[in-house]
Amino acid sequence: SDSDLPVVEKAMKTLDDYGVPYEVHVFSA
């Protein structure tokens, strides 16, 4: 859910810090 974004932003920042490419998606099981 997009309500999880404040949590996953920490993952995205860490990936950015290491220069690792990523994609972000919202999918519900």
PDB file of all heavy atoms in Angstrom:
ATOM      1  N   SER A   1       0.860  -1.184   0.000  1.00  0.00           N
ATOM      2  CA  SER A   1       0.000   0.000   0.000  1.00  0.00           C
ATOM      3  C   SER A   1       0.891   1.226   0.000  1.00  0.00           C
ATOM      4  O   SER A   1       2.004   1.189   0.537  1.00  0.00           O
ATOM      5  CB  SER A   1      -0.877  -0.013   1.264  1.00  0.00           C
ATOM      6  OG  SER A   1      -1.501   1.241   1.453  1.00  0.00           O
ATOM      7  N   ASP A   2       0.397   2.315  -0.564  1.00  0.00           N
ATOM      8  CA  ASP A   2       1.202   3.537  -0.541  1.00  0.00           C
ATOM      9  C   ASP A   2       1.370   4.077   0.876  1.00  0.00           C
ATOM     10  O   ASP A   2       2.246   4.898   1.124  1.00  0.00           O
ATOM     11  CB  ASP A   2       0.647   4.598  -1.486  1.00  0.00           C
ATOM     12  CG  ASP A   2      -0.732   5.086  -1.116  1.00  0.00           C
ATOM     13  OD1 ASP A   2      -1.402   4.473  -0.257  1.00  0.00           O
ATOM     14  OD2 ASP A   2      -1.172   6.093  -1.710  1.00  0.00           O
ATOM     15  N   SER A   3       0.593   3.589   1.828  1.00  0.00           N
ATOM     16  CA  SER A   3       0.791   3.999   3.223  1.00  0.00           C
ATOM     17  C   SER A   3       2.107   3.450   3.786  1.00  0.00           C
ATOM     18  O   SER A   3       2.581   3.922   4.817  1.00  0.00           O
ATOM     19  CB  SER A   3      -0.385   3.546   4.094  1.00  0.00           C
ATOM     20  OG  SER A   3      -0.453   2.137   4.155  1.00  0.00           O
ATOM     21  N   ASP A   4       2.712   2.470   3.094  1.00  0.00           N
ATOM     22  CA  ASP A   4       4.004   1.916   3.504  1.00  0.00           C
ATOM     23  C   ASP A   4       5.183   2.763   3.020  1.00  0.00           C
ATOM     24  O   ASP A   4       6.328   2.494   3.378  1.00  0.00           O
ATOM     25  CB  ASP A   4       4.162   0.483   2.975  1.00  0.00           C
ATOM     26  CG  ASP A   4       3.070  -0.446   3.459  1.00  0.00           C
ATOM     27  OD1 ASP A   4       2.603  -0.271   4.595  1.00  0.00           O
ATOM     28  OD2 ASP A   4       2.685  -1.356   2.693  1.00  0.00           O
ATOM     29  N   LEU A   5       4.912   3.782   2.225  1.00  0.00           N
ATOM     30  CA  LEU A   5       5.980   4.588   1.630  1.00  0.00           C
ATOM     31  C   LEU A   5       6.940   5.192   2.651  1.00  0.00           C
ATOM     32  O   LEU A   5       8.156   5.141   2.439  1.00  0.00           O
ATOM     33  CB  LEU A   5       5.390   5.676   0.728  1.00  0.00           C
ATOM     34  CG  LEU A   5       6.387   6.518  -0.058  1.00  0.00           C
ATOM     35  CD1 LEU A   5       7.254   5.644  -0.959  1.00  0.00           C
ATOM     36  CD2 LEU A   5       5.661   7.572  -0.876  1.00  0.00           C
ATOM     37  N   PRO A   6       6.468   5.758   3.777  1.00  0.00           N
ATOM     38  CA  PRO A   6       7.439   6.310   4.728  1.00  0.00           C
ATOM     39  C   PRO A   6       8.453   5.276   5.231  1.00  0.00           C
ATOM     40  O   PRO A   6       9.592   5.622   5.518  1.00  0.00           O
ATOM     41  CB  PRO A   6       6.563   6.816   5.882  1.00  0.00           C
ATOM     42  CG  PRO A   6       5.236   7.092   5.247  1.00  0.00           C
ATOM     43  CD  PRO A   6       5.078   6.036   4.189  1.00  0.00           C
ATOM     44  N   VAL A   7       8.058   4.023   5.295  1.00  0.00           N
ATOM     45  CA  VAL A   7       8.990   2.967   5.706  1.00  0.00           C
ATOM     46  C   VAL A   7       9.943   2.644   4.564  1.00  0.00           C
ATOM     47  O   VAL A   7      11.162   2.627   4.744  1.00  0.00           O
ATOM     48  CB  VAL A   7       8.227   1.702   6.164  1.00  0.00           C
ATOM     49  CG1 VAL A   7       9.195   0.539   6.389  1.00  0.00           C
ATOM     50  CG2 VAL A   7       7.432   1.986   7.430  1.00  0.00           C
ATOM     51  N   VAL A   8       9.418   2.388   3.367  1.00  0.00           N
ATOM     52  CA  VAL A   8      10.283   1.952   2.274  1.00  0.00           C
ATOM     53  C   VAL A   8      11.197   3.054   1.755  1.00  0.00           C
ATOM     54  O   VAL A   8      12.206   2.748   1.108  1.00  0.00           O
ATOM     55  CB  VAL A   8       9.493   1.297   1.114  1.00  0.00           C
ATOM     56  CG1 VAL A   8       8.723   0.096   1.585  1.00  0.00           C
ATOM     57  CG2 VAL A   8       8.619   2.268   0.406  1.00  0.00           C
ATOM     58  N   GLU A   9      10.908   4.293   2.052  1.00  0.00           N
ATOM     59  CA  GLU A   9      11.820   5.373   1.646  1.00  0.00           C
ATOM     60  C   GLU A   9      13.211   5.171   2.237  1.00  0.00           C
ATOM     61  O   GLU A   9      14.207   5.548   1.616  1.00  0.00           O
ATOM     62  CB  GLU A   9      11.253   6.734   2.037  1.00  0.00           C
ATOM     63  CG  GLU A   9      10.150   7.190   1.090  1.00  0.00           C
ATOM     64  CD  GLU A   9       9.532   8.525   1.473  1.00  0.00           C
ATOM     65  OE1 GLU A   9       9.466   8.851   2.677  1.00  0.00           O
ATOM     66  OE2 GLU A   9       9.103   9.240   0.551  1.00  0.00           O
ATOM     67  N   LYS A  10      13.292   4.557   3.401  1.00  0.00           N
ATOM     68  CA  LYS A  10      14.609   4.272   4.003  1.00  0.00           C
ATOM     69  C   LYS A  10      15.378   3.262   3.162  1.00  0.00           C
ATOM     70  O   LYS A  10      16.603   3.345   3.044  1.00  0.00           O
ATOM     71  CB  LYS A  10      14.431   3.796   5.432  1.00  0.00           C
ATOM     72  CG  LYS A  10      13.840   4.855   6.349  1.00  0.00           C
ATOM     73  CD  LYS A  10      13.580   4.311   7.747  1.00  0.00           C
ATOM     74  CE  LYS A  10      12.896   5.349   8.589  1.00  0.00           C
ATOM     75  NZ  LYS A  10      11.470   5.105   8.755  1.00  0.00           N
ATOM     76  N   ALA A  11      14.679   2.314   2.578  1.00  0.00           N
ATOM     77  CA  ALA A  11      15.337   1.355   1.684  1.00  0.00           C
ATOM     78  C   ALA A  11      15.834   2.066   0.429  1.00  0.00           C
ATOM     79  O   ALA A  11      16.966   1.846  -0.024  1.00  0.00           O
ATOM     80  CB  ALA A  11      14.384   0.226   1.310  1.00  0.00           C
ATOM     81  N   MET A  12      14.991   2.921  -0.118  1.00  0.00           N
ATOM     82  CA  MET A  12      15.373   3.633  -1.336  1.00  0.00           C
ATOM     83  C   MET A  12      16.584   4.528  -1.086  1.00  0.00           C
ATOM     84  O   MET A  12      17.487   4.606  -1.923  1.00  0.00           O
ATOM     85  CB  MET A  12      14.189   4.434  -1.874  1.00  0.00           C
ATOM     86  CG  MET A  12      13.048   3.529  -2.320  1.00  0.00           C
ATOM     87  SD  MET A  12      11.619   4.360  -3.057  1.00  0.00           S
ATOM     88  CE  MET A  12      11.046   5.394  -1.742  1.00  0.00           C
ATOM     89  N   LYS A  13      16.625   5.190   0.077  1.00  0.00           N
ATOM     90  CA  LYS A  13      17.779   6.035   0.401  1.00  0.00           C
ATOM     91  C   LYS A  13      19.058   5.203   0.485  1.00  0.00           C
ATOM     92  O   LYS A  13      20.108   5.592  -0.027  1.00  0.00           O
ATOM     93  CB  LYS A  13      17.562   6.793   1.706  1.00  0.00           C
ATOM     94  CG  LYS A  13      18.752   7.705   2.034  1.00  0.00           C
ATOM     95  CD  LYS A  13      18.669   8.323   3.388  1.00  0.00           C
ATOM     96  CE  LYS A  13      19.829   9.239   3.710  1.00  0.00           C
ATOM     97  NZ  LYS A  13      21.165   8.769   3.319  1.00  0.00           N
ATOM     98  N   THR A  14      18.955   4.042   1.116  1.00  0.00           N
ATOM     99  CA  THR A  14      20.127   3.174   1.244  1.00  0.00           C
ATOM    100  C   THR A  14      20.587   2.687  -0.130  1.00  0.00           C
ATOM    101  O   THR A  14      21.792   2.703  -0.421  1.00  0.00           O
ATOM    102  CB  THR A  14      19.809   1.989   2.168  1.00  0.00           C
ATOM    103  OG1 THR A  14      19.392   2.496   3.442  1.00  0.00           O
ATOM    104  CG2 THR A  14      21.020   1.087   2.355  1.00  0.00           C
ATOM    105  N   LEU A  15      19.660   2.296  -0.973  1.00  0.00           N
ATOM    106  CA  LEU A  15      20.024   1.883  -2.328  1.00  0.00           C
ATOM    107  C   LEU A  15      20.666   3.036  -3.089  1.00  0.00           C
ATOM    108  O   LEU A  15      21.668   2.846  -3.803  1.00  0.00           O
ATOM    109  CB  LEU A  15      18.796   1.351  -3.068  1.00  0.00           C
ATOM    110  CG  LEU A  15      18.223   0.039  -2.514  1.00  0.00           C
ATOM    111  CD1 LEU A  15      16.826  -0.210  -3.058  1.00  0.00           C
ATOM    112  CD2 LEU A  15      19.149  -1.129  -2.807  1.00  0.00           C
ATOM    113  N   ASP A  16      20.118   4.240  -2.941  1.00  0.00           N
ATOM    114  CA  ASP A  16      20.720   5.428  -3.566  1.00  0.00           C
ATOM    115  C   ASP A  16      22.148   5.643  -3.064  1.00  0.00           C
ATOM    116  O   ASP A  16      23.054   5.934  -3.850  1.00  0.00           O
ATOM    117  CB  ASP A  16      19.898   6.687  -3.265  1.00  0.00           C
ATOM    118  CG  ASP A  16      18.630   6.798  -4.093  1.00  0.00           C
ATOM    119  OD1 ASP A  16      18.560   6.219  -5.192  1.00  0.00           O
ATOM    120  OD2 ASP A  16      17.696   7.489  -3.621  1.00  0.00           O
ATOM    121  N   ASP A  17      22.344   5.512  -1.755  1.00  0.00           N
ATOM    122  CA  ASP A  17      23.669   5.730  -1.164  1.00  0.00           C
ATOM    123  C   ASP A  17      24.723   4.803  -1.765  1.00  0.00           C
ATOM    124  O   ASP A  17      25.894   5.163  -1.865  1.00  0.00           O
ATOM    125  CB  ASP A  17      23.631   5.520   0.355  1.00  0.00           C
ATOM    126  CG  ASP A  17      22.880   6.621   1.096  1.00  0.00           C
ATOM    127  OD1 ASP A  17      22.583   7.685   0.496  1.00  0.00           O
ATOM    128  OD2 ASP A  17      22.572   6.407   2.291  1.00  0.00           O
ATOM    129  N   TYR A  18      24.319   3.599  -2.151  1.00  0.00           N
ATOM    130  CA  TYR A  18      25.245   2.627  -2.735  1.00  0.00           C
ATOM    131  C   TYR A  18      25.224   2.624  -4.262  1.00  0.00           C
ATOM    132  O   TYR A  18      25.937   1.844  -4.888  1.00  0.00           O
ATOM    133  CB  TYR A  18      24.941   1.226  -2.197  1.00  0.00           C
ATOM    134  CG  TYR A  18      25.489   1.009  -0.810  1.00  0.00           C
ATOM    135  CD1 TYR A  18      24.761   1.376   0.311  1.00  0.00           C
ATOM    136  CD2 TYR A  18      26.744   0.451  -0.617  1.00  0.00           C
ATOM    137  CE1 TYR A  18      25.262   1.196   1.585  1.00  0.00           C
ATOM    138  CE2 TYR A  18      27.254   0.264   0.652  1.00  0.00           C
ATOM    139  CZ  TYR A  18      26.509   0.640   1.751  1.00  0.00           C
ATOM    140  OH  TYR A  18      27.019   0.460   3.008  1.00  0.00           O
ATOM    141  N   GLY A  19      24.385   3.460  -4.848  1.00  0.00           N
ATOM    142  CA  GLY A  19      24.322   3.528  -6.302  1.00  0.00           C
ATOM    143  C   GLY A  19      23.685   2.309  -6.954  1.00  0.00           C
ATOM    144  O   GLY A  19      24.001   1.984  -8.098  1.00  0.00           O
ATOM    145  N   VAL A  20      22.792   1.655  -6.232  1.00  0.00           N
ATOM    146  CA  VAL A  20      22.123   0.466  -6.761  1.00  0.00           C
ATOM    147  C   VAL A  20      20.808   0.886  -7.412  1.00  0.00           C
ATOM    148  O   VAL A  20      19.975   1.529  -6.769  1.00  0.00           O
ATOM    149  CB  VAL A  20      21.884  -0.568  -5.640  1.00  0.00           C
ATOM    150  CG1 VAL A  20      21.056  -1.745  -6.148  1.00  0.00           C
ATOM    151  CG2 VAL A  20      23.214  -1.052  -5.076  1.00  0.00           C
ATOM    152  N   PRO A  21      20.597   0.519  -8.667  1.00  0.00           N
ATOM    153  CA  PRO A  21      19.347   0.890  -9.333  1.00  0.00           C
ATOM    154  C   PRO A  21      18.164   0.097  -8.770  1.00  0.00           C
ATOM    155  O   PRO A  21      18.324  -1.052  -8.349  1.00  0.00           O
ATOM    156  CB  PRO A  21      19.596   0.525 -10.799  1.00  0.00           C
ATOM    157  CG  PRO A  21      20.658  -0.518 -10.760  1.00  0.00           C
ATOM    158  CD  PRO A  21      21.486  -0.238  -9.543  1.00  0.00           C
ATOM    159  N   TYR A  22      17.009   0.737  -8.775  1.00  0.00           N
ATOM    160  CA  TYR A  22      15.821   0.072  -8.249  1.00  0.00           C
ATOM    161  C   TYR A  22      14.574   0.621  -8.928  1.00  0.00           C
ATOM    162  O   TYR A  22      14.597   1.679  -9.538  1.00  0.00           O
ATOM    163  CB  TYR A  22      15.711   0.237  -6.731  1.00  0.00           C
ATOM    164  CG  TYR A  22      15.636   1.666  -6.260  1.00  0.00           C
ATOM    165  CD1 TYR A  22      14.414   2.328  -6.118  1.00  0.00           C
ATOM    166  CD2 TYR A  22      16.799   2.378  -5.950  1.00  0.00           C
ATOM    167  CE1 TYR A  22      14.355   3.638  -5.679  1.00  0.00           C
ATOM    168  CE2 TYR A  22      16.745   3.689  -5.512  1.00  0.00           C
ATOM    169  CZ  TYR A  22      15.521   4.313  -5.379  1.00  0.00           C
ATOM    170  OH  TYR A  22      15.461   5.620  -4.948  1.00  0.00           O
ATOM    171  N   GLU A  23      13.514  -0.149  -8.790  1.00  0.00           N
ATOM    172  CA  GLU A  23      12.181   0.283  -9.195  1.00  0.00           C
ATOM    173  C   GLU A  23      11.280   0.150  -7.982  1.00  0.00           C
ATOM    174  O   GLU A  23      11.455  -0.758  -7.171  1.00  0.00           O
ATOM    175  CB  GLU A  23      11.616  -0.602 -10.315  1.00  0.00           C
ATOM    176  CG  GLU A  23      12.246  -0.390 -11.652  1.00  0.00           C
ATOM    177  CD  GLU A  23      11.589  -1.238 -12.740  1.00  0.00           C
ATOM    178  OE1 GLU A  23      10.467  -1.761 -12.515  1.00  0.00           O
ATOM    179  OE2 GLU A  23      12.208  -1.379 -13.803  1.00  0.00           O
ATOM    180  N   VAL A  24      10.303   1.035  -7.878  1.00  0.00           N
ATOM    181  CA  VAL A  24       9.354   1.023  -6.773  1.00  0.00           C
ATOM    182  C   VAL A  24       7.962   0.775  -7.334  1.00  0.00           C
ATOM    183  O   VAL A  24       7.582   1.379  -8.342  1.00  0.00           O
ATOM    184  CB  VAL A  24       9.379   2.361  -5.997  1.00  0.00           C
ATOM    185  CG1 VAL A  24       8.441   2.314  -4.801  1.00  0.00           C
ATOM    186  CG2 VAL A  24      10.796   2.692  -5.561  1.00  0.00           C
ATOM    187  N   HIS A  25       7.226  -0.117  -6.671  1.00  0.00           N
ATOM    188  CA  HIS A  25       5.876  -0.460  -7.125  1.00  0.00           C
ATOM    189  C   HIS A  25       4.944  -0.656  -5.937  1.00  0.00           C
ATOM    190  O   HIS A  25       5.399  -0.954  -4.826  1.00  0.00           O
ATOM    191  CB  HIS A  25       5.893  -1.755  -7.950  1.00  0.00           C
ATOM    192  CG  HIS A  25       6.676  -1.634  -9.209  1.00  0.00           C
ATOM    193  ND1 HIS A  25       6.155  -1.067 -10.347  1.00  0.00           N
ATOM    194  CD2 HIS A  25       7.954  -1.991  -9.505  1.00  0.00           C
ATOM    195  CE1 HIS A  25       7.081  -1.082 -11.291  1.00  0.00           C
ATOM    196  NE2 HIS A  25       8.179  -1.643 -10.817  1.00  0.00           N
ATOM    197  N   VAL A  26       3.662  -0.518  -6.176  1.00  0.00           N
ATOM    198  CA  VAL A  26       2.616  -0.864  -5.212  1.00  0.00           C
ATOM    199  C   VAL A  26       1.823  -2.014  -5.813  1.00  0.00           C
ATOM    200  O   VAL A  26       1.181  -1.845  -6.852  1.00  0.00           O
ATOM    201  CB  VAL A  26       1.678   0.329  -4.910  1.00  0.00           C
ATOM    202  CG1 VAL A  26       0.569  -0.095  -3.944  1.00  0.00           C
ATOM    203  CG2 VAL A  26       2.457   1.513  -4.357  1.00  0.00           C
ATOM    204  N   PHE A  27       1.935  -3.179  -5.188  1.00  0.00           N
ATOM    205  CA  PHE A  27       1.146  -4.351  -5.551  1.00  0.00           C
ATOM    206  C   PHE A  27       0.616  -4.960  -4.263  1.00  0.00           C
ATOM    207  O   PHE A  27       1.362  -5.067  -3.283  1.00  0.00           O
ATOM    208  CB  PHE A  27       1.977  -5.417  -6.289  1.00  0.00           C
ATOM    209  CG  PHE A  27       2.507  -4.990  -7.625  1.00  0.00           C
ATOM    210  CD1 PHE A  27       3.856  -5.038  -7.899  1.00  0.00           C
ATOM    211  CD2 PHE A  27       1.649  -4.554  -8.619  1.00  0.00           C
ATOM    212  CE1 PHE A  27       4.365  -4.661  -9.127  1.00  0.00           C
ATOM    213  CE2 PHE A  27       2.139  -4.170  -9.865  1.00  0.00           C
ATOM    214  CZ  PHE A  27       3.499  -4.226 -10.122  1.00  0.00           C
ATOM    215  N   SER A  28      -0.594  -5.369  -4.274  1.00  0.00           N
ATOM    216  CA  SER A  28      -1.197  -6.000  -3.106  1.00  0.00           C
ATOM    217  C   SER A  28      -1.377  -7.490  -3.361  1.00  0.00           C
ATOM    218  O   SER A  28      -1.887  -7.882  -4.419  1.00  0.00           O
ATOM    219  CB  SER A  28      -2.561  -5.365  -2.815  1.00  0.00           C
ATOM    220  OG  SER A  28      -3.266  -6.121  -1.857  1.00  0.00           O
ATOM    221  N   ALA A  29      -0.974  -8.298  -2.387  1.00  0.00           N
ATOM    222  CA  ALA A  29      -1.180  -9.743  -2.501  1.00  0.00           C
ATOM    223  C   ALA A  29      -2.660 -10.078  -2.573  1.00  0.00           C
ATOM    224  O   ALA A  29      -3.044 -11.092  -3.163  1.00  0.00           O
ATOM    225  CB  ALA A  29      -0.547 -10.454  -1.315  1.00  0.00           C
TER     226      ALA A  29
END
